[in-house]
Amino acid sequence: MKTVLAALALLSATLVSRLVGQEDSEASRRTLAGLKGVYVLIENISDDAQRDGLTEDQIRTDVELKLRQTGITVLSLQESVTRAGAPHLYVRVSTLKNSAESFYAYNAEVELDQDVKLIRNPSVTSDVATWSTTMLGTVGSRDLRHLREVVRDLTDQFINAYLAANPKR
């Protein structure tokens, strides 16, 4: 039990600074207005999680399918970099396995990253998260497929925000 609490504390401590100002709010939803599609970038599937059956391909398929089903265009990397803002949906699944207890502590994040310009110096651009959502938790090693459901739920939150910012006419 101490290991679980330590893992969650560690994951929480690394997230606090990332979550400040980056959430699903009215302001962050406005940054989604006018997007014509997103590239999907998946990262941080640990070797342990892959050995226990969670793969980047599964998550990519889940996310891209949900986007396409709601009419959001999934861009290739090449298409993304030619679009204004180079938008990409960044999906990060960080896990820490407790082998003795056969479970994982996890942090799943979905964020929309895009290039933005500084008001005080428009020649300076930076790739930043303009919308994000995250979930922390634990899951048994045999139930790692639950993380796919978590990512699908987080993707649904993005889809709802995107549709709110881009109503069909």
C-alpha atoms as a PDB file:
ATOM      1  CA  MET A   1       0.000   0.000   0.000  1.00  0.00           C
ATOM      2  CA  LYS A   2       2.857   2.381   0.756  1.00  0.00           C
ATOM      3  CA  THR A   3       4.181   1.784  -2.749  1.00  0.00           C
ATOM      4  CA  VAL A   4       0.829   2.758  -4.293  1.00  0.00           C
ATOM      5  CA  LEU A   5       0.653   5.964  -2.299  1.00  0.00           C
ATOM      6  CA  ALA A   6       4.249   6.794  -3.153  1.00  0.00           C
ATOM      7  CA  ALA A   7       3.603   6.167  -6.857  1.00  0.00           C
ATOM      8  CA  LEU A   8       0.478   8.329  -6.870  1.00  0.00           C
ATOM      9  CA  ALA A   9       2.256  11.069  -4.940  1.00  0.00           C
ATOM     10  CA  LEU A  10       5.122  10.989  -7.433  1.00  0.00           C
ATOM     11  CA  LEU A  11       2.785  11.127 -10.416  1.00  0.00           C
ATOM     12  CA  SER A  12       0.762  13.923  -8.805  1.00  0.00           C
ATOM     13  CA  ALA A  13       3.848  15.967  -8.001  1.00  0.00           C
ATOM     14  CA  THR A  14       5.050  15.797 -11.595  1.00  0.00           C
ATOM     15  CA  LEU A  15       1.661  16.895 -12.903  1.00  0.00           C
ATOM     16  CA  VAL A  16       0.819  19.894 -10.772  1.00  0.00           C
ATOM     17  CA  SER A  17       2.782  22.393 -12.839  1.00  0.00           C
ATOM     18  CA  ARG A  18       1.439  21.011 -16.121  1.00  0.00           C
ATOM     19  CA  LEU A  19      -2.164  21.309 -15.008  1.00  0.00           C
ATOM     20  CA  VAL A  20      -2.038  24.935 -13.959  1.00  0.00           C
ATOM     21  CA  GLY A  21      -3.954  26.875 -16.609  1.00  0.00           C
ATOM     22  CA  GLN A  22      -4.385  23.859 -18.824  1.00  0.00           C
ATOM     23  CA  GLU A  23      -7.811  22.339 -18.509  1.00  0.00           C
ATOM     24  CA  ASP A  24     -11.229  22.015 -20.080  1.00  0.00           C
ATOM     25  CA  SER A  25     -12.590  25.514 -19.525  1.00  0.00           C
ATOM     26  CA  GLU A  26     -14.349  28.160 -21.590  1.00  0.00           C
ATOM     27  CA  ALA A  27     -11.008  29.825 -22.298  1.00  0.00           C
ATOM     28  CA  SER A  28      -9.309  26.601 -23.359  1.00  0.00           C
ATOM     29  CA  ARG A  29     -12.287  25.595 -25.511  1.00  0.00           C
ATOM     30  CA  ARG A  30     -12.005  28.847 -27.448  1.00  0.00           C
ATOM     31  CA  THR A  31      -8.524  27.737 -28.572  1.00  0.00           C
ATOM     32  CA  LEU A  32     -10.177  24.829 -30.416  1.00  0.00           C
ATOM     33  CA  ALA A  33     -12.374  27.046 -32.603  1.00  0.00           C
ATOM     34  CA  GLY A  34     -11.533  26.790 -36.290  1.00  0.00           C
ATOM     35  CA  LEU A  35      -9.413  23.640 -36.045  1.00  0.00           C
ATOM     36  CA  LYS A  36      -9.745  21.649 -39.264  1.00  0.00           C
ATOM     37  CA  GLY A  37      -8.275  18.447 -37.861  1.00  0.00           C
ATOM     38  CA  VAL A  38      -5.587  17.058 -35.579  1.00  0.00           C
ATOM     39  CA  TYR A  39      -2.624  14.735 -35.745  1.00  0.00           C
ATOM     40  CA  VAL A  40      -2.642  12.067 -32.998  1.00  0.00           C
ATOM     41  CA  LEU A  41       0.620  11.638 -31.098  1.00  0.00           C
ATOM     42  CA  ILE A  42       0.846   8.772 -28.584  1.00  0.00           C
ATOM     43  CA  GLU A  43       3.651   8.593 -26.008  1.00  0.00           C
ATOM     44  CA  ASN A  44       4.873   6.975 -22.801  1.00  0.00           C
ATOM     45  CA  ILE A  45       3.594   3.402 -23.091  1.00  0.00           C
ATOM     46  CA  SER A  46       6.068   1.709 -20.752  1.00  0.00           C
ATOM     47  CA  ASP A  47       7.752  -1.575 -21.578  1.00  0.00           C
ATOM     48  CA  ASP A  48       5.967  -3.188 -18.608  1.00  0.00           C
ATOM     49  CA  ALA A  49       2.578  -2.020 -19.850  1.00  0.00           C
ATOM     50  CA  GLN A  50       3.352  -3.233 -23.363  1.00  0.00           C
ATOM     51  CA  ARG A  51       4.357  -6.653 -22.006  1.00  0.00           C
ATOM     52  CA  ASP A  52       1.057  -6.746 -20.115  1.00  0.00           C
ATOM     53  CA  GLY A  53      -0.890  -6.019 -23.306  1.00  0.00           C
ATOM     54  CA  LEU A  54      -1.285  -2.243 -23.700  1.00  0.00           C
ATOM     55  CA  THR A  55       0.114  -0.969 -26.996  1.00  0.00           C
ATOM     56  CA  GLU A  56       0.480   2.346 -28.767  1.00  0.00           C
ATOM     57  CA  ASP A  57      -1.335   0.903 -31.793  1.00  0.00           C
ATOM     58  CA  GLN A  58      -4.399   0.000 -29.691  1.00  0.00           C
ATOM     59  CA  ILE A  59      -4.598   3.465 -28.193  1.00  0.00           C
ATOM     60  CA  ARG A  60      -3.999   5.184 -31.545  1.00  0.00           C
ATOM     61  CA  THR A  61      -6.765   3.115 -33.161  1.00  0.00           C
ATOM     62  CA  ASP A  62      -9.181   3.876 -30.299  1.00  0.00           C
ATOM     63  CA  VAL A  63      -8.506   7.628 -30.381  1.00  0.00           C
ATOM     64  CA  GLU A  64      -8.497   8.020 -34.169  1.00  0.00           C
ATOM     65  CA  LEU A  65     -11.689   5.981 -34.517  1.00  0.00           C
ATOM     66  CA  LYS A  66     -13.527   8.138 -31.971  1.00  0.00           C
ATOM     67  CA  LEU A  67     -12.359  11.317 -33.725  1.00  0.00           C
ATOM     68  CA  ARG A  68     -13.409  10.074 -37.162  1.00  0.00           C
ATOM     69  CA  GLN A  69     -16.795   8.864 -35.882  1.00  0.00           C
ATOM     70  CA  THR A  70     -17.614  12.413 -34.785  1.00  0.00           C
ATOM     71  CA  GLY A  71     -16.368  14.031 -37.984  1.00  0.00           C
ATOM     72  CA  ILE A  72     -13.028  15.349 -36.704  1.00  0.00           C
ATOM     73  CA  THR A  73     -10.384  14.970 -39.405  1.00  0.00           C
ATOM     74  CA  VAL A  74      -7.357  12.912 -38.396  1.00  0.00           C
ATOM     75  CA  LEU A  75      -4.279  14.435 -40.019  1.00  0.00           C
ATOM     76  CA  SER A  76      -1.000  12.801 -40.932  1.00  0.00           C
ATOM     77  CA  LEU A  77       2.116  14.343 -39.411  1.00  0.00           C
ATOM     78  CA  GLN A  78       2.890  16.015 -42.759  1.00  0.00           C
ATOM     79  CA  GLU A  79      -0.620  17.457 -43.002  1.00  0.00           C
ATOM     80  CA  SER A  80      -0.467  18.719 -39.428  1.00  0.00           C
ATOM     81  CA  VAL A  81       2.721  20.726 -39.873  1.00  0.00           C
ATOM     82  CA  THR A  82       1.266  22.476 -42.925  1.00  0.00           C
ATOM     83  CA  ARG A  83      -1.882  23.559 -41.018  1.00  0.00           C
ATOM     84  CA  ALA A  84      -2.080  26.781 -39.051  1.00  0.00           C
ATOM     85  CA  GLY A  85      -0.812  26.027 -35.564  1.00  0.00           C
ATOM     86  CA  ALA A  86       0.369  22.478 -36.414  1.00  0.00           C
ATOM     87  CA  PRO A  87      -2.342  21.027 -34.134  1.00  0.00           C
ATOM     88  CA  HIS A  88      -1.830  17.650 -32.547  1.00  0.00           C
ATOM     89  CA  LEU A  89      -3.730  15.668 -29.972  1.00  0.00           C
ATOM     90  CA  TYR A  90      -1.087  14.492 -27.541  1.00  0.00           C
ATOM     91  CA  VAL A  91      -2.046  11.295 -25.703  1.00  0.00           C
ATOM     92  CA  ARG A  92       0.252  10.330 -22.857  1.00  0.00           C
ATOM     93  CA  VAL A  93      -0.210   7.202 -20.737  1.00  0.00           C
ATOM     94  CA  SER A  94       2.357   7.043 -17.932  1.00  0.00           C
ATOM     95  CA  THR A  95       2.387   3.926 -15.786  1.00  0.00           C
ATOM     96  CA  LEU A  96       4.363   2.655 -12.823  1.00  0.00           C
ATOM     97  CA  LYS A  97       4.070  -1.071 -12.117  1.00  0.00           C
ATOM     98  CA  ASN A  98       4.108  -2.493  -8.621  1.00  0.00           C
ATOM     99  CA  SER A  99       5.209  -6.053  -9.374  1.00  0.00           C
ATOM    100  CA  ALA A 100       4.660  -7.347  -5.845  1.00  0.00           C
ATOM    101  CA  GLU A 101       1.014  -6.263  -5.852  1.00  0.00           C
ATOM    102  CA  SER A 102       0.421  -6.846  -9.606  1.00  0.00           C
ATOM    103  CA  PHE A 103      -1.060  -3.447 -10.350  1.00  0.00           C
ATOM    104  CA  TYR A 104      -0.183  -0.152 -11.995  1.00  0.00           C
ATOM    105  CA  ALA A 105      -0.470   3.437 -10.884  1.00  0.00           C
ATOM    106  CA  TYR A 106      -1.267   5.507 -13.965  1.00  0.00           C
ATOM    107  CA  ASN A 107      -1.623   9.004 -15.281  1.00  0.00           C
ATOM    108  CA  ALA A 108      -3.516   9.320 -18.562  1.00  0.00           C
ATOM    109  CA  GLU A 109      -3.560  12.691 -20.331  1.00  0.00           C
ATOM    110  CA  VAL A 110      -5.099  14.010 -23.525  1.00  0.00           C
ATOM    111  CA  GLU A 111      -4.130  17.495 -24.598  1.00  0.00           C
ATOM    112  CA  LEU A 112      -4.367  19.609 -27.698  1.00  0.00           C
ATOM    113  CA  ASP A 113      -0.998  21.150 -28.504  1.00  0.00           C
ATOM    114  CA  GLN A 114      -0.565  23.850 -31.105  1.00  0.00           C
ATOM    115  CA  ASP A 115       1.804  26.620 -32.061  1.00  0.00           C
ATOM    116  CA  VAL A 116       1.047  30.003 -30.527  1.00  0.00           C
ATOM    117  CA  LYS A 117       2.675  33.435 -30.875  1.00  0.00           C
ATOM    118  CA  LEU A 118       3.680  35.799 -28.114  1.00  0.00           C
ATOM    119  CA  ILE A 119       1.663  39.011 -28.114  1.00  0.00           C
ATOM    120  CA  ARG A 120       4.664  41.089 -27.095  1.00  0.00           C
ATOM    121  CA  ASN A 121       6.844  39.526 -29.818  1.00  0.00           C
ATOM    122  CA  PRO A 122       4.857  37.806 -32.624  1.00  0.00           C
ATOM    123  CA  SER A 123       8.046  36.474 -34.193  1.00  0.00           C
ATOM    124  CA  VAL A 124       8.305  34.050 -31.231  1.00  0.00           C
ATOM    125  CA  THR A 125       6.179  30.916 -31.555  1.00  0.00           C
ATOM    126  CA  SER A 126       5.997  27.953 -29.236  1.00  0.00           C
ATOM    127  CA  ASP A 127       4.207  24.608 -29.188  1.00  0.00           C
ATOM    128  CA  VAL A 128       1.981  24.614 -26.091  1.00  0.00           C
ATOM    129  CA  ALA A 129      -0.976  22.740 -24.658  1.00  0.00           C
ATOM    130  CA  THR A 130      -4.052  24.930 -25.095  1.00  0.00           C
ATOM    131  CA  TRP A 131      -6.584  22.342 -23.856  1.00  0.00           C
ATOM    132  CA  SER A 132      -6.076  19.290 -21.647  1.00  0.00           C
ATOM    133  CA  THR A 133      -7.621  16.718 -19.367  1.00  0.00           C
ATOM    134  CA  THR A 134      -6.052  14.064 -17.170  1.00  0.00           C
ATOM    135  CA  MET A 135      -6.889  11.151 -14.919  1.00  0.00           C
ATOM    136  CA  LEU A 136      -4.870   9.443 -12.190  1.00  0.00           C
ATOM    137  CA  GLY A 137      -5.621   6.016 -10.802  1.00  0.00           C
ATOM    138  CA  THR A 138      -4.619   2.425 -10.299  1.00  0.00           C
ATOM    139  CA  VAL A 139      -5.476  -0.689 -12.250  1.00  0.00           C
ATOM    140  CA  GLY A 140      -4.630  -4.378 -11.892  1.00  0.00           C
ATOM    141  CA  SER A 141      -2.027  -5.784 -14.268  1.00  0.00           C
ATOM    142  CA  ARG A 142      -4.619  -8.179 -15.675  1.00  0.00           C
ATOM    143  CA  ASP A 143      -7.068  -5.324 -16.254  1.00  0.00           C
ATOM    144  CA  LEU A 144      -4.704  -3.020 -18.126  1.00  0.00           C
ATOM    145  CA  ARG A 145      -7.253  -2.804 -20.954  1.00  0.00           C
ATOM    146  CA  HIS A 146      -9.129  -0.486 -18.576  1.00  0.00           C
ATOM    147  CA  LEU A 147      -6.585   2.196 -19.515  1.00  0.00           C
ATOM    148  CA  ARG A 148      -7.936   2.079 -23.061  1.00  0.00           C
ATOM    149  CA  GLU A 149     -11.362   2.951 -21.628  1.00  0.00           C
ATOM    150  CA  VAL A 150      -9.818   5.792 -19.629  1.00  0.00           C
ATOM    151  CA  VAL A 151      -8.172   7.202 -22.768  1.00  0.00           C
ATOM    152  CA  ARG A 152     -11.443   6.840 -24.708  1.00  0.00           C
ATOM    153  CA  ASP A 153     -13.255   8.771 -21.944  1.00  0.00           C
ATOM    154  CA  LEU A 154     -10.623  11.520 -22.031  1.00  0.00           C
ATOM    155  CA  THR A 155     -10.897  11.591 -25.830  1.00  0.00           C
ATOM    156  CA  ASP A 156     -14.666  12.013 -25.448  1.00  0.00           C
ATOM    157  CA  GLN A 157     -13.993  15.075 -23.272  1.00  0.00           C
ATOM    158  CA  PHE A 158     -11.835  16.523 -26.061  1.00  0.00           C
ATOM    159  CA  ILE A 159     -14.497  15.736 -28.654  1.00  0.00           C
ATOM    160  CA  ASN A 160     -17.173  17.475 -26.560  1.00  0.00           C
ATOM    161  CA  ALA A 161     -14.948  20.538 -26.154  1.00  0.00           C
ATOM    162  CA  TYR A 162     -14.106  20.546 -29.877  1.00  0.00           C
ATOM    163  CA  LEU A 163     -17.768  20.272 -30.891  1.00  0.00           C
ATOM    164  CA  ALA A 164     -18.741  23.037 -28.457  1.00  0.00           C
ATOM    165  CA  ALA A 165     -16.099  25.304 -30.038  1.00  0.00           C
ATOM    166  CA  ASN A 166     -16.987  24.249 -33.598  1.00  0.00           C
ATOM    167  CA  PRO A 167     -20.774  23.863 -33.784  1.00  0.00           C
ATOM    168  CA  LYS A 168     -22.162  22.430 -37.000  1.00  0.00           C
ATOM    169  CA  ARG A 169     -23.829  25.035 -39.148  1.00  0.00           C
END
